[in-house]
Protein backbone atom coordinates (compact mmCIF):
# COMPACT_ATOMS: atom_id res chain seq x y z
CA MET A 1 0.00 0.00 0.00
CA LYS A 2 2.79 2.46 1.00
CA ARG A 3 4.68 1.45 -2.14
CA ASN A 4 1.64 2.32 -4.26
CA ASN A 5 1.33 5.72 -2.54
CA ARG A 6 4.98 6.49 -3.18
CA LEU A 7 4.52 5.47 -6.80
CA ILE A 8 1.50 7.72 -7.18
CA LYS A 9 3.30 10.68 -5.57
CA THR A 10 6.37 10.10 -7.71
CA SER A 11 4.22 9.89 -10.82
CA SER A 12 2.49 13.18 -9.95
CA VAL A 13 5.79 15.00 -9.37
CA PHE A 14 7.22 13.53 -12.57
CA ILE A 15 4.19 14.60 -14.60
CA SER A 16 4.39 18.12 -13.13
CA ALA A 17 8.09 18.39 -13.92
CA ILE A 18 7.52 17.27 -17.50
CA LEU A 19 4.71 19.80 -17.93
CA ILE A 20 6.79 22.63 -16.48
CA LEU A 21 9.72 21.78 -18.70
CA GLY A 22 7.53 21.50 -21.76
CA LEU A 23 5.68 24.74 -21.12
CA LEU A 24 8.85 26.69 -20.39
CA THR A 25 10.34 25.34 -23.58
CA LEU A 26 7.21 26.44 -25.42
CA ASN A 27 7.49 29.88 -23.83
CA ALA A 28 11.15 30.30 -24.71
CA LYS A 29 11.66 32.68 -27.60
CA PRO A 30 14.07 31.81 -30.38
CA GLN A 31 17.42 33.59 -30.20
CA THR A 32 17.25 36.89 -32.08
CA ASP A 33 20.47 38.40 -30.83
CA THR A 34 22.65 38.23 -33.91
CA PHE A 35 22.86 41.29 -36.12
CA ILE A 36 25.19 40.73 -39.04
CA GLU A 37 26.99 43.58 -40.79
CA VAL A 38 25.84 43.53 -44.40
CA GLN A 39 27.38 46.59 -45.98
CA GLU A 40 29.10 49.93 -45.48
CA ILE A 41 27.60 52.70 -47.62
CA PHE A 42 28.95 56.07 -48.79
CA PRO A 43 27.53 59.03 -50.73
CA SER A 44 28.04 58.82 -54.48
CA ASP A 45 28.81 62.51 -55.00
CA VAL A 46 31.42 63.41 -52.40
CA ASN A 47 33.35 66.45 -53.54
CA PRO A 48 37.11 65.81 -53.21
CA MET A 49 37.51 69.39 -52.02
CA ASP A 50 35.09 68.92 -49.11
CA ILE A 51 36.76 67.56 -46.01
CA SER A 52 33.63 67.36 -43.86
CA TRP A 53 30.58 65.86 -45.56
CA GLN A 54 29.30 64.22 -42.34
CA PHE A 55 27.31 61.62 -44.22
CA GLY A 56 25.65 59.35 -41.65
CA GLY A 57 25.14 62.05 -39.05
CA THR A 58 21.41 61.34 -39.29
CA VAL A 59 19.82 58.06 -40.39
CA SER A 60 16.40 56.44 -40.61
CA ILE A 61 15.17 53.11 -41.95
CA SER A 62 11.76 51.74 -42.92
CA GLY A 63 11.53 48.28 -44.42
CA ASN A 64 13.81 48.09 -47.44
CA THR A 65 14.41 51.84 -47.68
CA ALA A 66 16.98 53.90 -45.77
CA LEU A 67 17.43 57.67 -45.55
CA VAL A 68 20.83 59.15 -44.66
CA GLY A 69 21.59 62.80 -44.02
CA ALA A 70 24.82 64.69 -44.77
CA ILE A 71 24.42 68.19 -43.34
CA HIS A 72 27.77 69.54 -44.62
CA ALA A 73 27.30 68.34 -48.18
CA ASN A 74 27.58 70.80 -51.03
CA GLU A 75 28.93 73.84 -49.17
CA PHE A 76 26.92 73.06 -46.03
CA ARG A 77 23.64 73.15 -47.93
CA GLY A 78 23.11 69.57 -46.85
CA GLN A 79 21.61 66.60 -48.66
CA ALA A 80 19.76 63.40 -47.86
CA TYR A 81 20.31 60.11 -49.66
CA ILE A 82 17.81 57.36 -50.42
CA PHE A 83 19.10 53.78 -50.38
CA ASN A 84 17.03 50.75 -51.38
CA LYS A 85 17.68 47.12 -50.57
CA ASN A 86 17.77 44.52 -53.33
CA ILE A 87 15.63 41.72 -51.95
CA ASN A 88 17.47 39.14 -54.05
CA THR A 89 21.05 40.03 -53.09
CA GLY A 90 20.38 41.73 -49.75
CA LEU A 91 22.63 44.63 -50.78
CA TRP A 92 21.78 48.32 -50.63
CA SER A 93 22.30 50.90 -53.37
CA GLU A 94 21.82 54.65 -53.57
CA THR A 95 18.83 55.53 -55.74
CA GLN A 96 18.23 59.24 -55.18
CA ILE A 97 19.61 62.41 -53.58
CA LEU A 98 17.09 64.73 -51.90
CA THR A 99 17.45 68.48 -51.48
CA GLY A 100 15.03 71.14 -50.30
CA SER A 101 13.51 73.66 -52.66
CA ASN A 102 14.54 76.65 -50.50
CA VAL A 103 17.87 75.32 -49.32
CA GLY A 104 20.95 77.45 -49.83
CA GLU A 105 24.56 77.47 -48.68
CA GLY A 106 24.87 76.87 -44.92
CA ASP A 107 21.27 75.71 -44.36
CA PHE A 108 22.13 72.23 -43.02
CA PHE A 109 19.45 70.27 -44.83
CA GLY A 110 19.47 66.80 -43.27
CA ASN A 111 19.85 67.87 -39.64
CA CYS A 112 17.02 65.44 -39.00
CA VAL A 113 15.66 62.68 -41.22
CA HIS A 114 12.82 60.25 -40.75
CA ILE A 115 11.12 57.82 -43.10
CA ASP A 116 7.94 55.79 -42.64
CA GLY A 117 6.70 53.75 -45.58
CA ASP A 118 6.30 56.07 -48.56
CA THR A 119 6.64 59.31 -46.59
CA ALA A 120 9.83 61.03 -45.49
CA ILE A 121 10.64 64.26 -43.67
CA VAL A 122 13.93 66.16 -43.57
CA GLY A 123 14.83 69.18 -41.44
CA ALA A 124 17.01 72.17 -42.39
CA THR A 125 17.68 74.20 -39.27
CA HIS A 126 19.18 77.31 -40.85
CA VAL A 127 16.82 78.02 -43.75
CA SER A 128 15.04 81.40 -44.08
CA ASN A 129 14.92 84.47 -41.89
CA GLY A 130 18.34 84.16 -40.33
CA GLY A 131 18.05 80.51 -39.46
CA GLN A 132 14.48 79.99 -38.32
CA GLY A 133 14.49 76.64 -40.10
CA GLU A 134 12.21 74.58 -42.32
CA ALA A 135 11.25 70.95 -42.81
CA TYR A 136 10.47 69.23 -46.09
CA VAL A 137 8.03 66.38 -46.62
CA PHE A 138 8.66 63.95 -49.47
CA GLN A 139 6.34 61.35 -50.94
CA ARG A 140 7.38 58.29 -52.93
CA ASP A 141 5.68 57.87 -56.32
CA PRO A 142 4.50 54.24 -56.51
CA MET A 143 4.85 54.24 -60.29
CA THR A 144 8.40 55.57 -60.58
CA ASN A 145 9.68 54.81 -57.06
CA MET A 146 11.07 58.37 -57.01
CA TRP A 147 10.63 60.77 -54.10
CA ASN A 148 9.02 64.17 -54.66
CA GLU A 149 8.81 67.16 -52.34
CA VAL A 150 5.15 67.76 -51.43
CA SER A 151 5.22 70.28 -48.57
CA VAL A 152 7.53 72.82 -46.95
CA LEU A 153 6.85 73.20 -43.22
CA THR A 154 7.60 76.12 -40.93
CA GLY A 155 6.64 76.95 -37.36
CA SER A 156 3.88 79.50 -36.88
CA THR A 157 5.57 80.98 -33.80
CA GLY A 158 9.07 80.64 -35.20
CA ALA A 159 11.88 83.17 -35.00
CA PRO A 160 15.49 83.34 -36.21
CA GLY A 161 17.74 80.98 -34.31
CA ASP A 162 14.98 78.58 -33.24
CA PHE A 163 16.72 75.58 -34.86
CA TYR A 164 13.36 74.47 -36.21
CA GLY A 165 14.06 71.13 -37.90
CA ILE A 166 16.57 69.83 -35.34
CA ALA A 167 14.19 66.88 -34.89
CA CYS A 168 11.43 65.49 -37.07
CA THR A 169 9.23 62.42 -37.28
CA VAL A 170 6.27 61.21 -39.31
CA ASP A 171 3.65 58.48 -39.02
CA GLU A 172 2.35 57.63 -42.47
CA SER A 173 -0.59 55.55 -41.23
CA THR A 174 -2.15 58.42 -39.27
CA GLY A 175 -0.93 61.27 -41.50
CA VAL A 176 0.76 63.08 -38.62
CA ALA A 177 4.19 64.72 -38.56
CA MET A 178 6.09 66.59 -35.85
CA VAL A 179 9.03 69.00 -35.99
CA GLY A 180 11.10 70.20 -33.04
CA ALA A 181 12.65 73.62 -32.45
CA ASN A 182 14.75 73.19 -29.33
CA ARG A 183 16.09 76.75 -29.19
CA ALA A 184 12.77 78.54 -29.53
CA PHE A 185 11.67 80.96 -26.81
CA ALA A 186 15.03 81.38 -25.07
CA VAL A 187 15.97 77.72 -25.58
CA GLU A 188 12.83 76.52 -23.79
CA GLY A 189 11.83 74.82 -27.02
CA ARG A 190 8.69 74.03 -29.00
CA ALA A 191 7.29 71.15 -31.03
CA TYR A 192 4.91 71.59 -33.97
CA VAL A 193 2.28 69.09 -35.08
CA TYR A 194 1.12 68.74 -38.70
CA GLU A 195 -1.59 66.69 -40.37
CA ARG A 196 -1.94 65.57 -43.98
CA ASP A 197 -5.10 66.79 -45.71
CA MET A 198 -7.15 65.15 -48.44
CA MET A 199 -4.93 66.72 -51.12
CA GLY A 200 -1.76 65.26 -49.60
CA MET A 201 -0.56 68.61 -48.23
CA TRP A 202 0.64 69.04 -44.65
CA ASN A 203 -0.77 71.73 -42.38
CA GLU A 204 0.12 72.83 -38.87
CA VAL A 205 -2.59 71.92 -36.35
CA GLN A 206 -0.99 72.48 -32.95
CA VAL A 207 2.04 73.92 -31.17
CA LEU A 208 3.20 71.88 -28.18
CA VAL A 209 4.64 73.73 -25.19
CA PRO A 210 6.44 72.05 -22.26
CA ASN A 211 4.39 71.99 -19.08
CA GLY A 212 6.52 73.66 -16.41
CA GLY A 213 9.16 74.52 -18.98
CA MET A 214 11.72 77.27 -18.63
CA PRO A 215 14.64 78.69 -20.59
CA GLY A 216 17.28 76.07 -21.25
CA PHE A 217 14.92 73.06 -21.33
CA GLN A 218 15.73 72.34 -25.01
CA TYR A 219 12.29 70.80 -25.43
CA GLY A 220 11.90 69.38 -28.93
CA PHE A 221 15.52 68.25 -29.34
CA LYS A 222 14.23 64.72 -30.00
CA LEU A 223 10.83 63.38 -31.01
CA ALA A 224 9.11 60.02 -31.29
CA LEU A 225 5.67 59.36 -32.75
CA GLN A 226 3.49 56.30 -33.18
CA GLU A 227 -0.23 56.43 -33.94
CA ASP A 228 -1.88 58.56 -31.22
CA VAL A 229 1.10 58.80 -28.86
CA ALA A 230 4.06 61.16 -29.06
CA ALA A 231 7.16 61.70 -26.93
CA VAL A 232 9.19 64.92 -26.81
CA GLY A 233 12.64 65.02 -25.24
CA ALA A 234 13.76 68.00 -23.17
CA PHE A 235 17.24 67.04 -22.03
CA GLY A 236 17.97 70.47 -20.56
CA GLY A 237 15.06 69.93 -18.18
CA GLU A 238 15.86 66.24 -17.64
CA ARG A 239 12.41 65.25 -18.90
CA VAL A 240 10.52 63.45 -21.63
CA TYR A 241 6.96 64.60 -22.25
CA VAL A 242 4.35 62.07 -23.40
CA TYR A 243 1.26 63.18 -25.34
CA ASN A 244 -1.92 61.36 -26.31
CA ARG A 245 -4.19 62.49 -29.13
CA ASN A 246 -7.88 62.57 -28.20
CA GLU A 247 -10.91 61.91 -30.40
CA MET A 248 -11.01 65.56 -31.45
CA GLY A 249 -7.45 65.33 -32.76
CA PHE A 250 -5.98 67.45 -29.95
CA TRP A 251 -2.72 66.36 -28.34
CA ASN A 252 -2.90 66.39 -24.53
CA ASP A 253 0.08 66.49 -22.21
CA ASN A 254 -0.47 63.13 -20.52
CA GLN A 255 2.69 62.73 -18.46
CA PHE A 256 6.29 63.82 -18.18
CA LEU A 257 8.94 61.23 -17.38
CA THR A 258 12.03 61.67 -15.24
CA ALA A 259 14.79 59.29 -14.20
CA SER A 260 14.57 57.62 -10.79
CA ASP A 261 18.20 58.56 -10.14
CA GLY A 262 18.20 61.73 -12.20
CA MET A 263 20.53 64.62 -11.54
CA PRO A 264 20.93 67.98 -13.29
CA GLY A 265 23.33 67.67 -16.19
CA ASN A 266 22.64 63.99 -16.96
CA SER A 267 20.86 64.93 -20.23
CA PHE A 268 17.94 62.58 -19.62
CA GLY A 269 15.84 62.89 -22.79
CA VAL A 270 18.74 63.58 -25.16
CA ASP A 271 17.11 60.86 -27.26
CA VAL A 272 13.88 58.90 -27.00
CA ASP A 273 12.10 56.22 -28.97
CA PHE A 274 9.19 53.91 -28.30
CA ASP A 275 7.29 51.07 -29.94
CA GLY A 276 3.99 49.92 -28.51
CA ASP A 277 4.26 49.74 -24.72
CA ASN A 278 8.06 49.95 -24.52
CA MET A 279 10.15 53.12 -24.48
CA VAL A 280 13.89 53.74 -24.27
CA ILE A 281 15.37 57.06 -23.16
CA GLY A 282 19.01 58.13 -23.19
CA ALA A 283 20.86 60.15 -20.55
CA SER A 284 24.25 60.48 -22.20
CA GLN A 285 26.01 62.68 -19.63
CA PHE A 286 25.33 60.50 -16.61
CA ASN A 287 28.39 59.92 -14.40
CA MET A 288 31.07 61.96 -16.15
CA ASN A 289 29.58 61.41 -19.60
CA GLN A 290 29.70 57.62 -19.33
CA GLY A 291 25.97 57.67 -20.00
CA LYS A 292 22.95 55.59 -19.16
CA ALA A 293 19.64 54.55 -20.71
CA TYR A 294 16.25 53.86 -19.20
CA ILE A 295 13.51 51.44 -20.19
CA PHE A 296 9.94 52.54 -19.51
CA GLU A 297 6.83 50.39 -19.86
CA ARG A 298 3.25 51.55 -20.34
CA ASN A 299 0.69 50.05 -17.98
CA MET A 300 -2.96 49.21 -18.60
CA MET A 301 -4.00 52.72 -17.53
CA GLY A 302 -1.81 54.26 -20.24
CA PHE A 303 0.86 55.60 -17.89
CA TRP A 304 4.57 54.98 -18.32
CA ASN A 305 6.73 53.64 -15.49
CA GLU A 306 10.47 53.16 -15.29
CA LEU A 307 11.26 49.46 -15.55
CA GLN A 308 15.02 49.17 -15.85
CA THR A 309 18.26 51.12 -16.27
CA ILE A 310 21.04 49.96 -18.57
CA THR A 311 24.66 50.96 -19.01
CA ALA A 312 27.43 50.03 -21.40
CA THR A 313 29.58 46.99 -20.83
CA MET A 314 32.80 48.35 -19.31
CA PRO A 315 31.63 51.99 -19.53
CA LEU A 316 34.15 54.64 -20.51
CA ILE A 317 34.30 58.26 -19.40
CA GLY A 318 33.31 60.51 -22.29
CA GLU A 319 31.66 57.76 -24.35
CA PHE A 320 28.15 59.27 -24.01
CA PHE A 321 26.24 55.97 -23.87
CA GLY A 322 22.59 56.74 -24.59
CA SER A 323 23.26 59.64 -26.93
CA ASN A 324 21.16 57.81 -29.53
CA VAL A 325 18.54 55.10 -29.11
CA SER A 326 16.05 53.14 -31.19
CA ILE A 327 13.51 50.43 -30.47
CA SER A 328 11.43 48.07 -32.61
CA GLY A 329 9.33 45.22 -31.27
CA GLU A 330 11.25 43.63 -28.43
CA THR A 331 14.71 44.84 -29.46
CA ALA A 332 16.32 48.08 -28.29
CA ILE A 333 19.48 49.73 -29.60
CA VAL A 334 21.66 52.12 -27.57
CA SER A 335 24.82 53.74 -28.89
CA ALA A 336 27.99 55.06 -27.28
CA SER A 337 29.74 56.90 -30.06
CA LEU A 338 31.29 60.17 -29.00
CA LEU A 339 34.65 59.15 -27.50
CA PHE A 340 37.24 60.22 -30.06
CA THR A 341 39.77 57.63 -28.87
CA SER A 342 37.25 54.89 -29.72
CA PRO A 343 35.52 54.00 -33.01
CA GLY A 344 32.17 53.85 -31.21
CA ARG A 345 29.98 51.03 -29.95
CA VAL A 346 26.35 50.02 -30.37
CA PHE A 347 24.58 47.76 -27.89
CA VAL A 348 21.62 45.47 -28.55
CA TYR A 349 19.10 44.63 -25.83
CA GLU A 350 16.23 42.20 -26.07
CA ARG A 351 13.17 41.76 -23.89
CA ASP A 352 13.14 38.36 -22.22
CA THR A 353 10.22 36.25 -20.97
CA MET A 354 10.34 37.97 -17.58
CA GLY A 355 9.95 41.40 -19.19
CA MET A 356 13.53 42.53 -18.57
CA TRP A 357 15.99 43.79 -21.18
CA PRO A 358 19.39 42.07 -21.01
CA GLU A 359 22.24 42.96 -23.35
CA VAL A 360 22.54 40.35 -26.11
CA GLN A 361 25.11 41.82 -28.48
CA GLU A 362 27.69 44.57 -28.89
CA LEU A 363 28.25 45.89 -32.40
CA THR A 364 31.35 47.55 -33.77
CA ALA A 365 32.26 48.39 -37.35
CA SER A 366 34.36 45.76 -39.11
CA ASN A 367 36.83 48.44 -40.20
CA GLY A 368 36.33 50.93 -37.38
CA MET A 369 38.92 53.52 -36.43
CA PRO A 370 39.09 55.94 -33.47
CA GLY A 371 36.94 58.99 -34.06
CA ASP A 372 34.57 57.32 -36.54
CA LEU A 373 31.53 58.25 -34.41
CA PHE A 374 30.04 54.83 -35.11
CA GLY A 375 26.56 55.03 -33.62
CA VAL A 376 26.18 58.81 -33.81
CA GLU A 377 22.66 57.93 -34.92
CA VAL A 378 20.90 54.56 -35.14
CA SER A 379 17.58 53.42 -36.55
CA LEU A 380 15.94 50.00 -36.20
CA ASP A 381 12.91 48.65 -38.06
CA GLY A 382 12.19 44.96 -37.52
CA ASN A 383 15.24 43.05 -38.67
CA GLU A 384 16.89 46.01 -40.42
CA LEU A 385 19.35 48.26 -38.58
CA ILE A 386 21.30 51.24 -39.87
CA VAL A 387 24.15 52.82 -37.90
CA GLY A 388 25.58 56.21 -38.82
CA ALA A 389 29.31 56.93 -38.54
CA SER A 390 29.78 60.54 -39.61
CA GLY A 391 33.41 60.67 -38.51
CA VAL A 392 34.67 58.07 -40.98
CA ASP A 393 37.51 59.43 -43.11
CA GLY A 394 37.06 58.91 -46.84
CA ALA A 395 38.91 59.88 -50.00
CA ALA A 396 37.83 63.48 -49.56
CA GLY A 397 39.40 63.73 -46.12
CA SER A 398 38.22 63.65 -42.51
CA PHE A 399 34.57 63.37 -41.58
CA THR A 400 33.39 62.26 -45.01
CA GLY A 401 31.18 59.83 -43.15
CA ALA A 402 29.62 56.43 -43.74
CA ALA A 403 26.72 54.29 -42.61
CA TYR A 404 26.52 50.58 -41.86
CA LEU A 405 23.60 48.27 -42.62
CA TYR A 406 22.90 45.28 -40.41
CA ASP A 407 20.46 42.45 -40.80
CA ASN A 408 19.00 40.09 -38.21
CA PRO A 409 17.49 37.15 -40.12
CA GLN A 410 15.83 35.71 -37.02
CA ALA A 411 14.20 38.94 -35.88
CA VAL A 412 10.95 38.08 -37.66
CA VAL A 413 10.04 35.77 -34.77
CA ARG A 414 10.37 38.41 -32.07
CA ASN A 415 6.69 39.32 -32.01
CA VAL A 416 5.43 35.78 -31.39
CA PRO A 417 3.03 36.13 -28.41
CA THR A 418 4.35 34.60 -25.19
CA LEU A 419 2.68 34.00 -21.86
CA ASN A 420 4.22 34.98 -18.56
CA ALA A 421 6.55 32.23 -17.35
CA TRP A 422 5.17 32.28 -13.80
CA ALA A 423 1.66 31.82 -15.12
CA LEU A 424 2.85 28.79 -17.08
CA ILE A 425 4.53 27.32 -14.00
CA PHE A 426 1.31 27.77 -12.02
CA LEU A 427 -0.64 26.09 -14.81
CA ALA A 428 1.80 23.19 -14.90
CA VAL A 429 1.60 22.66 -11.13
CA LEU A 430 -2.17 22.81 -11.29
CA LEU A 431 -2.22 20.18 -14.02
CA GLY A 432 0.12 18.05 -11.92
CA VAL A 433 -2.24 18.20 -8.95
CA ILE A 434 -5.18 17.31 -11.19
CA SER A 435 -3.29 14.34 -12.58
CA ALA A 436 -2.53 13.16 -9.03
CA LEU A 437 -6.19 13.36 -8.12
CA VAL A 438 -7.12 11.40 -11.23
CA ILE A 439 -4.62 8.68 -10.35
CA ARG A 440 -5.91 8.59 -6.77
CA LYS A 441 -9.49 8.29 -7.97
CA SER A 442 -8.50 5.47 -10.31
CA ARG A 443 -6.80 3.64 -7.43
CA SER A 444 -9.89 4.03 -5.23
CA ASN A 445 -12.12 2.63 -7.94
CA TYR A 446 -9.71 -0.27 -8.40
CA TYR A 447 -9.79 -1.27 -4.72
CA SER A 448 -13.57 -0.75 -4.40
CA ALA A 449 -14.02 -3.08 -7.34
């Protein structure tokens, strides 16, 4: 009798262990931590007389199309370059050079670039009226695959020196664009919201002002936008402002985020990006410019809470970790690029089954040299990653610049839904108990028979 009881108990424990192991294996996500360098790209029209093109100072990627800025190109007029990926070879080639219709010498076209689907936006901080700035919206023609300028944007409250166009972003699906002017109103900063009308033109609909802002906030230095949520960085005020668009189309100041260990001068909000319920924010001057980044998560009530802080592996003074960030799905990218005795580093983080973001890979350029500024700007979209390196020396001299394309072939699986591991363990234990009861009931029926 005791032997049968021990057998039953052993069987129950064994069944539970098998279920736990099986369910945890089911919950485990495939490894997606390997980005492979595919190609280094350069501008096709570098002038041998120009020693500072700064190609790669700004970058953006959407699917198989990349947009790269070079603010010093062509006598500091600035240009932006379209690259397309050949789906058969996996290689990228330059297909078009964009310029702004009003851009002249010293206007810095390309100070910000952003692409989403068939819509792109490029900022030029020094255009018109002594440097008030403009932004240009481009649309891709589906018949010719060429990009055409469709709107020139300015800020309704703008003034010379605002640096309007220092940051820009666009969401093609909602027809919303935003442009930052971080030096407006005594460097307090402003952000302007635009909507696309039925004719495909873009019109200003709202000016965003920092709640509790003051001179020096630099609000609007970085922007992130997705559907009806926007984030505006104000690194001078050590804040990131989050906005939600209501049913009337008005953007409400929902929350401003600060770092749990924040201190003046950390530059929290120097860059920000989010995707869905996950946000990453850089604070590049933390701890003697070693830098730090913060992961925030949105709860069911729509509010964002700090989840985790991350730092570079073997951080270096003056590396400015967190100066640029990007996030897509469950992968986050943080760069540390500004130490001139180092080529620059880019770190990859991936959300695990417990909701934390461990480092899974460190990227460096295959041919990197000190001062390359590898990671000066990064952009991630699914399995495609572009890394700017505006300090790369080319045939024309120093700071010609380059950009690197990376591919992660396994990244397509990152959005597979997963259940919480603890919930699965509880379910497995529960099934184990049920199986024990079934066995016990069977034994009782056996003896009663």
